[in-house]
Amino acid sequence: MKKVIFVLALLLIVLSCSKEEPFVLDNPVLQLDIPEGFPVLNTAVSQNLPTKYGVELGERLFHEPKFSRDNSISCASCHKPAHAFADANSQALGIQGRVGLRNTPPVQNMAFMKFYNWDGNMLQLEKQVLVPIITHEEMNSSIVEVIGKLSAEDGYRSLFKKAFGDENITADRIYQSIAQYEYTLISANSKYDKVMRQEGEAFTEIEARGFELFQQKCASCHSAALFTDQSFRNIGFPVNPSTEEAGRARVTGRADDYLKFRVPSLRNVAFTAPYGSFGQFATLKAVLDYFDQGVVAADNLDPILKENGNRIPLTEQEKSDLITFLETLSDHDFTKQ
C-alpha cells in the first residue's frame, strides 16, 4: 500500500512539474501623445486603445502584401511615410495596376477624425480596414482569404497571442490592430507648431504674410489644429468623369450633398500632391490658380465661394506667400524627410 501511495505521489509531482505555466497577457496600453489644442478623440479609440503588441502587430499587418489577392500590395503600398502616408498618384493604384475612383488620402491624426474617406462613409477606423481588402480596384481579396494566409505562419500566431492572449487570428483582431497602429500616427511637430508653442522658432516675413492671408481666405474651412473643420463641401473642383462619383451623396442619398467632399487636413500638404478627390491638381500653385480663375458653378456650391463670384481672388504674390506658409505645416519628423 505504501508503494502505491509513493508511486501516486511521484506521478503527481511529475505532472505538476510538466504542466505549462498559465499564459499571462503582458500588453500595456500605450499613452497617446495628444497635442495641445487638438480635438477630442474619436469615440472608437476608447474601445480599442493602442497597446504595445497591438500596435506592433498592426504595423506589421499594415506592411503585409498577403492582404491582396496576388500578394503584391499592402496598405503601405499606397500609404507612404514620405507622403504623410498618402502616395504621389492622382488616383489609388491596386493590384495589376487597377486604377481606383479617388486620390489616396493621407493617414495622419486619424484618432481625432470624425469621418474617414473622401465621402465620410466610415465613422470608425476599425471598419475602414476591410474596404481596400475587398475592393476590386485595390486588393481584390476577402478577409477569409487573408486570415487563411496569416494563419499559415507561426510568426503571426505568436504575434496575435502577444496582442490578444491567444493565437486565434480573427477579422476583428486584424481590424483592431491596424487601427491601433494608425491611431499612433500623430503629426504635430511642424514649424507652425513650434512657432505656436513658442519654442524659439519664428515665421519669416513671407511666412507671416502667408499666415495672415490664410486666416483671411482659407481658415473658414481649414480651421483649428487639424486644419480642417471636418465638414463636407462642394468647392467647384473639376468633376470626376466616372459615373460612380457622387461625393457625399453616395452616403446620404441627398441631392444637396452631390459632389460634396470632406475638407482635407492641410497638415503636411506640401508632401501630399496631387490634390483633389481624384488628383485634379498637380501642385499647390495649380489649386490656387484655379480658385483665382473661378470654380465650376453648382446649385450647392459652398456659400463662401458663391458670395465671392465663385472664386477666391488672389494676386501672384499672395499665392506665393500662401504656399510659403503652407510649407510651414510640414512635419519632417513625421514624414522622415
C-alpha atoms as a PDB file:
ATOM      1  CA  MET A   1       0.000   0.000   0.000  1.00  0.00           C
ATOM      2  CA  LYS A   2       2.847   2.368   0.867  1.00  0.00           C
ATOM      3  CA  LYS A   3       4.438   1.584  -2.503  1.00  0.00           C
ATOM      4  CA  VAL A   4       1.202   2.540  -4.313  1.00  0.00           C
ATOM      5  CA  ILE A   5       0.933   5.804  -2.383  1.00  0.00           C
ATOM      6  CA  PHE A   6       4.575   6.614  -3.195  1.00  0.00           C
ATOM      7  CA  VAL A   7       4.018   5.994  -6.935  1.00  0.00           C
ATOM      8  CA  LEU A   8       0.896   8.179  -6.953  1.00  0.00           C
ATOM      9  CA  ALA A   9       2.732  10.976  -5.135  1.00  0.00           C
ATOM     10  CA  LEU A  10       5.633  10.741  -7.573  1.00  0.00           C
ATOM     11  CA  LEU A  11       3.207  10.862 -10.509  1.00  0.00           C
ATOM     12  CA  LEU A  12       1.556  13.988  -9.127  1.00  0.00           C
ATOM     13  CA  ILE A  13       4.949  15.671  -8.730  1.00  0.00           C
ATOM     14  CA  VAL A  14       5.912  14.830 -12.321  1.00  0.00           C
ATOM     15  CA  LEU A  15       2.583  16.078 -13.657  1.00  0.00           C
ATOM     16  CA  SER A  16       2.799  19.302 -11.678  1.00  0.00           C
ATOM     17  CA  CYS A  17       6.316  19.969 -12.945  1.00  0.00           C
ATOM     18  CA  SER A  18       5.436  19.295 -16.572  1.00  0.00           C
ATOM     19  CA  LYS A  19       2.291  21.418 -16.514  1.00  0.00           C
ATOM     20  CA  GLU A  20       2.696  24.622 -18.535  1.00  0.00           C
ATOM     21  CA  GLU A  21       2.549  27.875 -16.660  1.00  0.00           C
ATOM     22  CA  PRO A  22      -0.678  29.794 -17.448  1.00  0.00           C
ATOM     23  CA  PHE A  23      -0.200  32.493 -20.082  1.00  0.00           C
ATOM     24  CA  VAL A  24      -0.370  35.969 -18.606  1.00  0.00           C
ATOM     25  CA  LEU A  25      -1.092  38.766 -21.065  1.00  0.00           C
ATOM     26  CA  ASP A  26       1.549  41.445 -20.583  1.00  0.00           C
ATOM     27  CA  ASN A  27       0.476  44.037 -23.118  1.00  0.00           C
ATOM     28  CA  PRO A  28       0.439  47.552 -21.649  1.00  0.00           C
ATOM     29  CA  VAL A  29      -1.753  50.281 -23.082  1.00  0.00           C
ATOM     30  CA  LEU A  30       0.286  52.968 -24.817  1.00  0.00           C
ATOM     31  CA  GLN A  31      -0.142  56.585 -23.823  1.00  0.00           C
ATOM     32  CA  LEU A  32      -1.046  58.647 -26.884  1.00  0.00           C
ATOM     33  CA  ASP A  33       0.836  61.946 -27.012  1.00  0.00           C
ATOM     34  CA  ILE A  34      -2.148  64.224 -27.645  1.00  0.00           C
ATOM     35  CA  PRO A  35      -1.008  67.660 -28.815  1.00  0.00           C
ATOM     36  CA  GLU A  36      -2.396  70.708 -27.061  1.00  0.00           C
ATOM     37  CA  GLY A  37      -5.379  72.189 -28.857  1.00  0.00           C
ATOM     38  CA  PHE A  38      -6.247  69.046 -30.811  1.00  0.00           C
ATOM     39  CA  PRO A  39      -9.915  67.990 -30.862  1.00  0.00           C
ATOM     40  CA  VAL A  40     -11.305  65.143 -28.779  1.00  0.00           C
ATOM     41  CA  LEU A  41     -10.509  61.593 -29.812  1.00  0.00           C
ATOM     42  CA  ASN A  42     -12.903  59.642 -31.992  1.00  0.00           C
ATOM     43  CA  THR A  43     -15.145  57.728 -29.591  1.00  0.00           C
ATOM     44  CA  ALA A  44     -13.979  54.431 -31.112  1.00  0.00           C
ATOM     45  CA  VAL A  45     -10.486  54.931 -29.698  1.00  0.00           C
ATOM     46  CA  SER A  46     -11.664  54.322 -26.127  1.00  0.00           C
ATOM     47  CA  GLN A  47     -12.985  50.911 -27.226  1.00  0.00           C
ATOM     48  CA  ASN A  48      -9.697  49.959 -28.911  1.00  0.00           C
ATOM     49  CA  LEU A  49      -6.886  51.610 -27.006  1.00  0.00           C
ATOM     50  CA  PRO A  50      -3.453  51.139 -28.624  1.00  0.00           C
ATOM     51  CA  THR A  51      -1.333  48.565 -26.808  1.00  0.00           C
ATOM     52  CA  LYS A  52       2.343  47.716 -27.105  1.00  0.00           C
ATOM     53  CA  TYR A  53       1.863  44.479 -29.027  1.00  0.00           C
ATOM     54  CA  GLY A  54      -1.370  45.522 -30.717  1.00  0.00           C
ATOM     55  CA  VAL A  55       0.480  48.381 -32.405  1.00  0.00           C
ATOM     56  CA  GLU A  56       3.454  46.144 -33.211  1.00  0.00           C
ATOM     57  CA  LEU A  57       1.116  43.657 -34.883  1.00  0.00           C
ATOM     58  CA  GLY A  58      -0.828  46.417 -36.634  1.00  0.00           C
ATOM     59  CA  GLU A  59       2.322  47.907 -38.147  1.00  0.00           C
ATOM     60  CA  ARG A  60       3.392  44.522 -39.491  1.00  0.00           C
ATOM     61  CA  LEU A  61      -0.074  43.909 -40.951  1.00  0.00           C
ATOM     62  CA  PHE A  62      -0.029  47.409 -42.471  1.00  0.00           C
ATOM     63  CA  HIS A  63       3.028  46.305 -44.482  1.00  0.00           C
ATOM     64  CA  GLU A  64       1.710  42.818 -45.319  1.00  0.00           C
ATOM     65  CA  PRO A  65       1.238  42.209 -49.094  1.00  0.00           C
ATOM     66  CA  LYS A  66      -0.699  38.991 -48.385  1.00  0.00           C
ATOM     67  CA  PHE A  67      -3.724  41.202 -47.848  1.00  0.00           C
ATOM     68  CA  SER A  68      -4.033  41.432 -51.638  1.00  0.00           C
ATOM     69  CA  ARG A  69      -5.229  38.549 -53.801  1.00  0.00           C
ATOM     70  CA  ASP A  70      -1.938  38.232 -55.673  1.00  0.00           C
ATOM     71  CA  ASN A  71       0.289  39.114 -52.675  1.00  0.00           C
ATOM     72  CA  SER A  72       1.582  42.201 -54.483  1.00  0.00           C
ATOM     73  CA  ILE A  73       0.414  45.212 -52.451  1.00  0.00           C
ATOM     74  CA  SER A  74      -0.097  46.150 -48.818  1.00  0.00           C
ATOM     75  CA  CYS A  75      -1.655  49.132 -47.060  1.00  0.00           C
ATOM     76  CA  ALA A  76       1.828  50.661 -47.070  1.00  0.00           C
ATOM     77  CA  SER A  77       1.987  50.446 -50.873  1.00  0.00           C
ATOM     78  CA  CYS A  78      -0.438  53.375 -51.061  1.00  0.00           C
ATOM     79  CA  HIS A  79       0.236  54.983 -47.678  1.00  0.00           C
ATOM     80  CA  LYS A  80       3.897  56.014 -47.612  1.00  0.00           C
ATOM     81  CA  PRO A  81       5.531  57.999 -44.784  1.00  0.00           C
ATOM     82  CA  ALA A  82       7.324  60.361 -47.170  1.00  0.00           C
ATOM     83  CA  HIS A  83       3.908  61.496 -48.449  1.00  0.00           C
ATOM     84  CA  ALA A  84       2.311  61.723 -44.990  1.00  0.00           C
ATOM     85  CA  PHE A  85       1.038  58.177 -45.597  1.00  0.00           C
ATOM     86  CA  ALA A  86      -0.558  59.094 -48.929  1.00  0.00           C
ATOM     87  CA  ASP A  87       1.090  58.477 -52.322  1.00  0.00           C
ATOM     88  CA  ALA A  88       2.062  60.502 -55.361  1.00  0.00           C
ATOM     89  CA  ASN A  89      -0.653  59.176 -57.686  1.00  0.00           C
ATOM     90  CA  SER A  90      -3.719  61.035 -58.894  1.00  0.00           C
ATOM     91  CA  GLN A  91      -5.859  58.009 -58.101  1.00  0.00           C
ATOM     92  CA  ALA A  92      -5.104  54.968 -55.981  1.00  0.00           C
ATOM     93  CA  LEU A  93      -3.438  52.041 -57.772  1.00  0.00           C
ATOM     94  CA  GLY A  94      -4.362  48.480 -56.835  1.00  0.00           C
ATOM     95  CA  ILE A  95      -3.313  45.031 -57.953  1.00  0.00           C
ATOM     96  CA  GLN A  96      -2.427  44.593 -61.616  1.00  0.00           C
ATOM     97  CA  GLY A  97      -2.291  48.378 -61.970  1.00  0.00           C
ATOM     98  CA  ARG A  98      -6.033  48.829 -61.482  1.00  0.00           C
ATOM     99  CA  VAL A  99      -6.998  52.483 -61.030  1.00  0.00           C
ATOM    100  CA  GLY A 100      -9.288  53.446 -58.182  1.00  0.00           C
ATOM    101  CA  LEU A 101     -12.032  56.060 -58.119  1.00  0.00           C
ATOM    102  CA  ARG A 102     -10.265  58.554 -55.875  1.00  0.00           C
ATOM    103  CA  ASN A 103      -6.988  60.005 -54.690  1.00  0.00           C
ATOM    104  CA  THR A 104      -5.351  58.230 -51.744  1.00  0.00           C
ATOM    105  CA  PRO A 105      -5.896  60.327 -48.593  1.00  0.00           C
ATOM    106  CA  PRO A 106      -3.061  60.703 -46.086  1.00  0.00           C
ATOM    107  CA  VAL A 107      -3.147  58.686 -42.860  1.00  0.00           C
ATOM    108  CA  GLN A 108      -2.310  61.155 -40.096  1.00  0.00           C
ATOM    109  CA  ASN A 109      -4.091  62.221 -36.925  1.00  0.00           C
ATOM    110  CA  MET A 110      -6.749  59.591 -37.601  1.00  0.00           C
ATOM    111  CA  ALA A 111      -7.546  59.277 -33.891  1.00  0.00           C
ATOM    112  CA  PHE A 112      -9.066  62.769 -33.978  1.00  0.00           C
ATOM    113  CA  MET A 113     -11.173  62.457 -37.130  1.00  0.00           C
ATOM    114  CA  LYS A 114     -14.968  62.147 -37.084  1.00  0.00           C
ATOM    115  CA  PHE A 115     -15.236  60.734 -40.611  1.00  0.00           C
ATOM    116  CA  TYR A 116     -12.998  58.679 -42.873  1.00  0.00           C
ATOM    117  CA  ASN A 117     -12.681  58.657 -46.666  1.00  0.00           C
ATOM    118  CA  TRP A 118     -13.482  61.481 -49.056  1.00  0.00           C
ATOM    119  CA  ASP A 119     -17.228  60.962 -48.626  1.00  0.00           C
ATOM    120  CA  GLY A 120     -17.134  60.181 -44.898  1.00  0.00           C
ATOM    121  CA  ASN A 121     -18.775  56.789 -45.308  1.00  0.00           C
ATOM    122  CA  MET A 122     -16.855  55.360 -42.335  1.00  0.00           C
ATOM    123  CA  LEU A 123     -17.159  56.640 -38.771  1.00  0.00           C
ATOM    124  CA  GLN A 124     -14.751  54.156 -37.171  1.00  0.00           C
ATOM    125  CA  LEU A 125     -11.251  53.362 -38.360  1.00  0.00           C
ATOM    126  CA  GLU A 126     -11.711  49.693 -37.466  1.00  0.00           C
ATOM    127  CA  LYS A 127     -14.469  49.404 -40.087  1.00  0.00           C
ATOM    128  CA  GLN A 128     -12.390  51.139 -42.752  1.00  0.00           C
ATOM    129  CA  VAL A 129      -9.721  48.400 -42.803  1.00  0.00           C
ATOM    130  CA  LEU A 130     -11.905  45.931 -44.717  1.00  0.00           C
ATOM    131  CA  VAL A 131     -12.695  48.334 -47.570  1.00  0.00           C
ATOM    132  CA  PRO A 132      -9.400  48.145 -49.516  1.00  0.00           C
ATOM    133  CA  ILE A 133      -9.197  44.385 -48.937  1.00  0.00           C
ATOM    134  CA  ILE A 134     -12.458  43.649 -50.761  1.00  0.00           C
ATOM    135  CA  THR A 135     -12.445  46.479 -53.318  1.00  0.00           C
ATOM    136  CA  HIS A 136     -11.857  45.201 -56.865  1.00  0.00           C
ATOM    137  CA  GLU A 137      -9.641  48.139 -57.807  1.00  0.00           C
ATOM    138  CA  GLU A 138      -7.499  47.788 -54.690  1.00  0.00           C
ATOM    139  CA  MET A 139      -6.623  44.416 -53.092  1.00  0.00           C
ATOM    140  CA  ASN A 140      -9.499  42.386 -54.575  1.00  0.00           C
ATOM    141  CA  SER A 141      -9.359  39.782 -51.817  1.00  0.00           C
ATOM    142  CA  SER A 142     -11.511  38.718 -48.863  1.00  0.00           C
ATOM    143  CA  ILE A 143     -10.964  38.717 -45.132  1.00  0.00           C
ATOM    144  CA  VAL A 144     -11.402  34.916 -45.108  1.00  0.00           C
ATOM    145  CA  GLU A 145      -8.555  34.577 -47.610  1.00  0.00           C
ATOM    146  CA  VAL A 146      -6.370  36.953 -45.589  1.00  0.00           C
ATOM    147  CA  ILE A 147      -6.994  35.015 -42.366  1.00  0.00           C
ATOM    148  CA  GLY A 148      -6.045  31.793 -44.124  1.00  0.00           C
ATOM    149  CA  LYS A 149      -2.736  33.221 -45.331  1.00  0.00           C
ATOM    150  CA  LEU A 150      -1.819  34.673 -41.938  1.00  0.00           C
ATOM    151  CA  SER A 151      -2.816  31.515 -40.048  1.00  0.00           C
ATOM    152  CA  ALA A 152      -0.303  29.513 -42.079  1.00  0.00           C
ATOM    153  CA  GLU A 153       2.563  31.423 -40.447  1.00  0.00           C
ATOM    154  CA  ASP A 154       3.803  30.622 -36.936  1.00  0.00           C
ATOM    155  CA  GLY A 155       5.146  34.161 -36.590  1.00  0.00           C
ATOM    156  CA  TYR A 156       1.705  35.701 -36.907  1.00  0.00           C
ATOM    157  CA  ARG A 157       0.120  33.257 -34.459  1.00  0.00           C
ATOM    158  CA  SER A 158       2.737  34.291 -31.913  1.00  0.00           C
ATOM    159  CA  LEU A 159       2.113  37.994 -32.512  1.00  0.00           C
ATOM    160  CA  PHE A 160      -1.651  37.582 -32.136  1.00  0.00           C
ATOM    161  CA  LYS A 161      -1.107  35.726 -28.869  1.00  0.00           C
ATOM    162  CA  LYS A 162       1.072  38.551 -27.527  1.00  0.00           C
ATOM    163  CA  ALA A 163      -1.509  41.146 -28.568  1.00  0.00           C
ATOM    164  CA  PHE A 164      -4.742  39.368 -27.670  1.00  0.00           C
ATOM    165  CA  GLY A 165      -3.929  36.479 -25.334  1.00  0.00           C
ATOM    166  CA  ASP A 166      -4.263  33.520 -27.704  1.00  0.00           C
ATOM    167  CA  GLU A 167      -3.265  32.532 -31.227  1.00  0.00           C
ATOM    168  CA  ASN A 168      -6.684  32.932 -32.825  1.00  0.00           C
ATOM    169  CA  ILE A 169      -6.479  35.120 -35.931  1.00  0.00           C
ATOM    170  CA  THR A 170      -9.857  36.766 -36.462  1.00  0.00           C
ATOM    171  CA  ALA A 171     -11.216  39.542 -38.636  1.00  0.00           C
ATOM    172  CA  ASP A 172     -11.919  41.817 -35.674  1.00  0.00           C
ATOM    173  CA  ARG A 173      -8.400  41.390 -34.308  1.00  0.00           C
ATOM    174  CA  ILE A 174      -6.929  42.302 -37.698  1.00  0.00           C
ATOM    175  CA  TYR A 175      -9.090  45.418 -37.889  1.00  0.00           C
ATOM    176  CA  GLN A 176      -8.355  46.410 -34.298  1.00  0.00           C
ATOM    177  CA  SER A 177      -4.581  46.044 -34.518  1.00  0.00           C
ATOM    178  CA  ILE A 178      -4.259  48.014 -37.774  1.00  0.00           C
ATOM    179  CA  ALA A 179      -6.469  50.764 -36.331  1.00  0.00           C
ATOM    180  CA  GLN A 180      -4.323  50.814 -33.182  1.00  0.00           C
ATOM    181  CA  TYR A 181      -1.223  51.366 -35.282  1.00  0.00           C
ATOM    182  CA  GLU A 182      -2.897  54.136 -37.267  1.00  0.00           C
ATOM    183  CA  TYR A 183      -4.058  55.837 -34.066  1.00  0.00           C
ATOM    184  CA  THR A 184      -0.397  56.355 -33.157  1.00  0.00           C
ATOM    185  CA  LEU A 185       0.355  58.249 -36.403  1.00  0.00           C
ATOM    186  CA  ILE A 186       0.088  61.726 -34.917  1.00  0.00           C
ATOM    187  CA  SER A 187       1.650  64.678 -36.705  1.00  0.00           C
ATOM    188  CA  ALA A 188       2.053  67.921 -34.758  1.00  0.00           C
ATOM    189  CA  ASN A 189       5.693  68.951 -34.920  1.00  0.00           C
ATOM    190  CA  SER A 190       5.919  71.254 -37.908  1.00  0.00           C
ATOM    191  CA  LYS A 191       7.497  74.689 -37.914  1.00  0.00           C
ATOM    192  CA  TYR A 192       3.999  76.118 -37.498  1.00  0.00           C
ATOM    193  CA  ASP A 193       3.550  74.050 -34.321  1.00  0.00           C
ATOM    194  CA  LYS A 194       6.891  75.142 -32.930  1.00  0.00           C
ATOM    195  CA  VAL A 195       6.039  78.798 -33.581  1.00  0.00           C
ATOM    196  CA  MET A 196       2.673  78.383 -31.872  1.00  0.00           C
ATOM    197  CA  ARG A 197       4.334  76.657 -28.920  1.00  0.00           C
ATOM    198  CA  GLN A 198       6.932  79.431 -28.741  1.00  0.00           C
ATOM    199  CA  GLU A 199       9.845  77.034 -28.940  1.00  0.00           C
ATOM    200  CA  GLY A 200      12.296  79.545 -30.353  1.00  0.00           C
ATOM    201  CA  GLU A 201      11.004  79.322 -33.933  1.00  0.00           C
ATOM    202  CA  ALA A 202       9.595  82.372 -35.731  1.00  0.00           C
ATOM    203  CA  PHE A 203       7.907  82.917 -39.074  1.00  0.00           C
ATOM    204  CA  THR A 204       9.861  84.688 -41.769  1.00  0.00           C
ATOM    205  CA  GLU A 205       8.322  87.859 -43.163  1.00  0.00           C
ATOM    206  CA  ILE A 206       6.895  85.927 -46.126  1.00  0.00           C
ATOM    207  CA  GLU A 207       5.542  83.126 -43.921  1.00  0.00           C
ATOM    208  CA  ALA A 208       3.899  85.688 -41.661  1.00  0.00           C
ATOM    209  CA  ARG A 209       2.227  87.360 -44.652  1.00  0.00           C
ATOM    210  CA  GLY A 210       1.063  83.962 -45.850  1.00  0.00           C
ATOM    211  CA  PHE A 211      -0.329  83.118 -42.415  1.00  0.00           C
ATOM    212  CA  GLU A 212      -2.329  86.332 -42.350  1.00  0.00           C
ATOM    213  CA  LEU A 213      -3.699  85.616 -45.826  1.00  0.00           C
ATOM    214  CA  PHE A 214      -4.523  82.070 -44.807  1.00  0.00           C
ATOM    215  CA  GLN A 215      -6.573  83.323 -41.878  1.00  0.00           C
ATOM    216  CA  GLN A 216      -8.445  85.689 -44.168  1.00  0.00           C
ATOM    217  CA  LYS A 217      -9.099  83.404 -47.137  1.00  0.00           C
ATOM    218  CA  CYS A 218      -8.720  79.753 -46.089  1.00  0.00           C
ATOM    219  CA  ALA A 219      -9.370  79.293 -42.382  1.00  0.00           C
ATOM    220  CA  SER A 220     -13.161  79.201 -42.741  1.00  0.00           C
ATOM    221  CA  CYS A 221     -12.821  75.587 -43.923  1.00  0.00           C
ATOM    222  CA  HIS A 222      -9.270  74.648 -42.933  1.00  0.00           C
ATOM    223  CA  SER A 223      -9.658  75.619 -39.317  1.00  0.00           C
ATOM    224  CA  ALA A 224      -8.354  74.669 -35.883  1.00  0.00           C
ATOM    225  CA  ALA A 225      -5.463  72.365 -35.053  1.00  0.00           C
ATOM    226  CA  LEU A 226      -6.165  69.787 -37.753  1.00  0.00           C
ATOM    227  CA  PHE A 227      -6.518  72.474 -40.435  1.00  0.00           C
ATOM    228  CA  THR A 228      -9.915  71.085 -41.361  1.00  0.00           C
ATOM    229  CA  ASP A 229     -13.347  71.707 -39.878  1.00  0.00           C
ATOM    230  CA  GLN A 230     -14.243  68.144 -40.966  1.00  0.00           C
ATOM    231  CA  SER A 231     -17.249  69.382 -42.904  1.00  0.00           C
ATOM    232  CA  PHE A 232     -18.410  68.350 -46.395  1.00  0.00           C
ATOM    233  CA  ARG A 233     -18.433  70.993 -49.108  1.00  0.00           C
ATOM    234  CA  ASN A 234     -18.747  71.379 -52.851  1.00  0.00           C
ATOM    235  CA  ILE A 235     -15.984  73.820 -53.771  1.00  0.00           C
ATOM    236  CA  GLY A 236     -16.424  73.559 -57.516  1.00  0.00           C
ATOM    237  CA  PHE A 237     -13.377  71.463 -58.397  1.00  0.00           C
ATOM    238  CA  PRO A 238     -13.325  69.797 -61.842  1.00  0.00           C
ATOM    239  CA  VAL A 239     -15.781  66.903 -61.850  1.00  0.00           C
ATOM    240  CA  ASN A 240     -14.657  63.286 -61.854  1.00  0.00           C
ATOM    241  CA  PRO A 241     -15.780  61.792 -65.195  1.00  0.00           C
ATOM    242  CA  SER A 242     -16.720  58.489 -63.532  1.00  0.00           C
ATOM    243  CA  THR A 243     -20.468  57.985 -63.262  1.00  0.00           C
ATOM    244  CA  GLU A 244     -19.829  56.227 -59.934  1.00  0.00           C
ATOM    245  CA  GLU A 245     -18.823  59.502 -58.278  1.00  0.00           C
ATOM    246  CA  ALA A 246     -21.394  61.471 -56.322  1.00  0.00           C
ATOM    247  CA  GLY A 247     -19.324  62.601 -53.356  1.00  0.00           C
ATOM    248  CA  ARG A 248     -21.107  62.716 -50.013  1.00  0.00           C
ATOM    249  CA  ALA A 249     -24.386  61.900 -51.788  1.00  0.00           C
ATOM    250  CA  ARG A 250     -23.124  58.321 -52.228  1.00  0.00           C
ATOM    251  CA  VAL A 251     -23.525  58.013 -48.454  1.00  0.00           C
ATOM    252  CA  THR A 252     -26.564  60.154 -47.677  1.00  0.00           C
ATOM    253  CA  GLY A 253     -28.556  59.834 -50.920  1.00  0.00           C
ATOM    254  CA  ARG A 254     -29.339  63.554 -50.688  1.00  0.00           C
ATOM    255  CA  ALA A 255     -29.208  65.705 -53.794  1.00  0.00           C
ATOM    256  CA  ASP A 256     -27.772  68.658 -51.884  1.00  0.00           C
ATOM    257  CA  ASP A 257     -24.762  66.507 -50.965  1.00  0.00           C
ATOM    258  CA  TYR A 258     -23.872  65.824 -54.597  1.00  0.00           C
ATOM    259  CA  LEU A 259     -20.106  66.250 -55.147  1.00  0.00           C
ATOM    260  CA  LYS A 260     -19.514  67.441 -51.620  1.00  0.00           C
ATOM    261  CA  PHE A 261     -16.305  66.048 -50.169  1.00  0.00           C
ATOM    262  CA  ARG A 262     -14.691  66.061 -46.742  1.00  0.00           C
ATOM    263  CA  VAL A 263     -12.480  69.118 -46.268  1.00  0.00           C
ATOM    264  CA  PRO A 264      -8.949  67.649 -46.165  1.00  0.00           C
ATOM    265  CA  SER A 265      -6.442  68.500 -43.479  1.00  0.00           C
ATOM    266  CA  LEU A 266      -3.661  70.749 -44.741  1.00  0.00           C
ATOM    267  CA  ARG A 267      -1.070  69.337 -42.373  1.00  0.00           C
ATOM    268  CA  ASN A 268       1.888  68.074 -44.444  1.00  0.00           C
ATOM    269  CA  VAL A 269       0.116  69.359 -47.545  1.00  0.00           C
ATOM    270  CA  ALA A 270       3.456  70.000 -49.277  1.00  0.00           C
ATOM    271  CA  PHE A 271       4.012  66.208 -49.255  1.00  0.00           C
ATOM    272  CA  THR A 272       0.566  65.038 -50.405  1.00  0.00           C
ATOM    273  CA  ALA A 273       0.373  66.147 -54.060  1.00  0.00           C
ATOM    274  CA  PRO A 274      -1.536  65.717 -56.300  1.00  0.00           C
ATOM    275  CA  TYR A 275      -4.583  67.444 -54.843  1.00  0.00           C
ATOM    276  CA  GLY A 276      -8.341  66.996 -55.111  1.00  0.00           C
ATOM    277  CA  SER A 277     -10.644  63.975 -54.765  1.00  0.00           C
ATOM    278  CA  PHE A 278      -9.145  62.391 -57.872  1.00  0.00           C
ATOM    279  CA  GLY A 279      -5.877  64.285 -58.071  1.00  0.00           C
ATOM    280  CA  GLN A 280      -7.101  67.084 -60.326  1.00  0.00           C
ATOM    281  CA  PHE A 281      -4.198  69.401 -59.476  1.00  0.00           C
ATOM    282  CA  ALA A 282      -0.501  68.572 -59.618  1.00  0.00           C
ATOM    283  CA  THR A 283       0.692  71.455 -57.431  1.00  0.00           C
ATOM    284  CA  LEU A 284      -0.494  73.864 -54.763  1.00  0.00           C
ATOM    285  CA  LYS A 285       0.024  76.682 -57.245  1.00  0.00           C
ATOM    286  CA  ALA A 286      -2.405  74.984 -59.636  1.00  0.00           C
ATOM    287  CA  VAL A 287      -5.008  74.800 -56.860  1.00  0.00           C
ATOM    288  CA  LEU A 288      -4.683  78.497 -56.047  1.00  0.00           C
ATOM    289  CA  ASP A 289      -4.725  79.445 -59.738  1.00  0.00           C
ATOM    290  CA  TYR A 290      -7.977  77.542 -60.120  1.00  0.00           C
ATOM    291  CA  PHE A 291      -9.612  79.295 -57.173  1.00  0.00           C
ATOM    292  CA  ASP A 292      -8.440  82.636 -58.552  1.00  0.00           C
ATOM    293  CA  GLN A 293      -9.759  81.996 -62.066  1.00  0.00           C
ATOM    294  CA  GLY A 294     -13.156  80.724 -60.931  1.00  0.00           C
ATOM    295  CA  VAL A 295     -14.566  77.316 -59.988  1.00  0.00           C
ATOM    296  CA  VAL A 296     -17.316  75.183 -61.521  1.00  0.00           C
ATOM    297  CA  ALA A 297     -20.727  76.622 -60.669  1.00  0.00           C
ATOM    298  CA  ALA A 298     -23.283  74.432 -58.890  1.00  0.00           C
ATOM    299  CA  ASP A 299     -26.543  74.879 -57.015  1.00  0.00           C
ATOM    300  CA  ASN A 300     -24.916  73.545 -53.864  1.00  0.00           C
ATOM    301  CA  LEU A 301     -21.615  75.356 -54.328  1.00  0.00           C
ATOM    302  CA  ASP A 302     -20.220  76.445 -50.979  1.00  0.00           C
ATOM    303  CA  PRO A 303     -21.756  79.801 -49.927  1.00  0.00           C
ATOM    304  CA  ILE A 304     -18.309  81.304 -49.294  1.00  0.00           C
ATOM    305  CA  LEU A 305     -17.476  80.880 -52.974  1.00  0.00           C
ATOM    306  CA  LYS A 306     -20.920  81.966 -54.195  1.00  0.00           C
ATOM    307  CA  GLU A 307     -20.646  85.191 -52.238  1.00  0.00           C
ATOM    308  CA  ASN A 308     -17.344  85.942 -53.997  1.00  0.00           C
ATOM    309  CA  GLY A 309     -18.405  85.303 -57.580  1.00  0.00           C
ATOM    310  CA  ASN A 310     -17.430  81.612 -57.493  1.00  0.00           C
ATOM    311  CA  ARG A 311     -13.778  82.378 -56.852  1.00  0.00           C
ATOM    312  CA  ILE A 312     -11.158  83.302 -54.304  1.00  0.00           C
ATOM    313  CA  PRO A 313      -9.292  86.217 -55.858  1.00  0.00           C
ATOM    314  CA  LEU A 314      -5.533  86.107 -55.283  1.00  0.00           C
ATOM    315  CA  THR A 315      -2.601  88.023 -56.677  1.00  0.00           C
ATOM    316  CA  GLU A 316       0.534  86.172 -57.757  1.00  0.00           C
ATOM    317  CA  GLN A 317       2.341  87.495 -54.688  1.00  0.00           C
ATOM    318  CA  GLU A 318      -0.465  86.317 -52.422  1.00  0.00           C
ATOM    319  CA  LYS A 319      -0.309  82.844 -53.957  1.00  0.00           C
ATOM    320  CA  SER A 320       3.411  82.698 -53.361  1.00  0.00           C
ATOM    321  CA  ASP A 321       3.022  83.881 -49.773  1.00  0.00           C
ATOM    322  CA  LEU A 322       0.276  81.345 -49.071  1.00  0.00           C
ATOM    323  CA  ILE A 323       2.326  78.458 -50.414  1.00  0.00           C
ATOM    324  CA  THR A 324       5.291  79.543 -48.316  1.00  0.00           C
ATOM    325  CA  PHE A 325       3.096  79.494 -45.227  1.00  0.00           C
ATOM    326  CA  LEU A 326       1.596  76.101 -46.115  1.00  0.00           C
ATOM    327  CA  GLU A 327       5.103  74.677 -46.240  1.00  0.00           C
ATOM    328  CA  THR A 328       5.458  75.514 -42.540  1.00  0.00           C
ATOM    329  CA  LEU A 329       2.832  72.806 -41.897  1.00  0.00           C
ATOM    330  CA  SER A 330       5.376  70.156 -42.937  1.00  0.00           C
ATOM    331  CA  ASP A 331       6.303  67.811 -40.106  1.00  0.00           C
ATOM    332  CA  HIS A 332       9.673  66.429 -41.159  1.00  0.00           C
ATOM    333  CA  ASP A 333       9.905  64.133 -38.147  1.00  0.00           C
ATOM    334  CA  PHE A 334       6.623  62.500 -39.181  1.00  0.00           C
ATOM    335  CA  THR A 335       7.488  62.124 -42.875  1.00  0.00           C
ATOM    336  CA  LYS A 336      11.123  61.191 -42.212  1.00  0.00           C
ATOM    337  CA  GLN A 337      12.386  63.772 -44.710  1.00  0.00           C
END
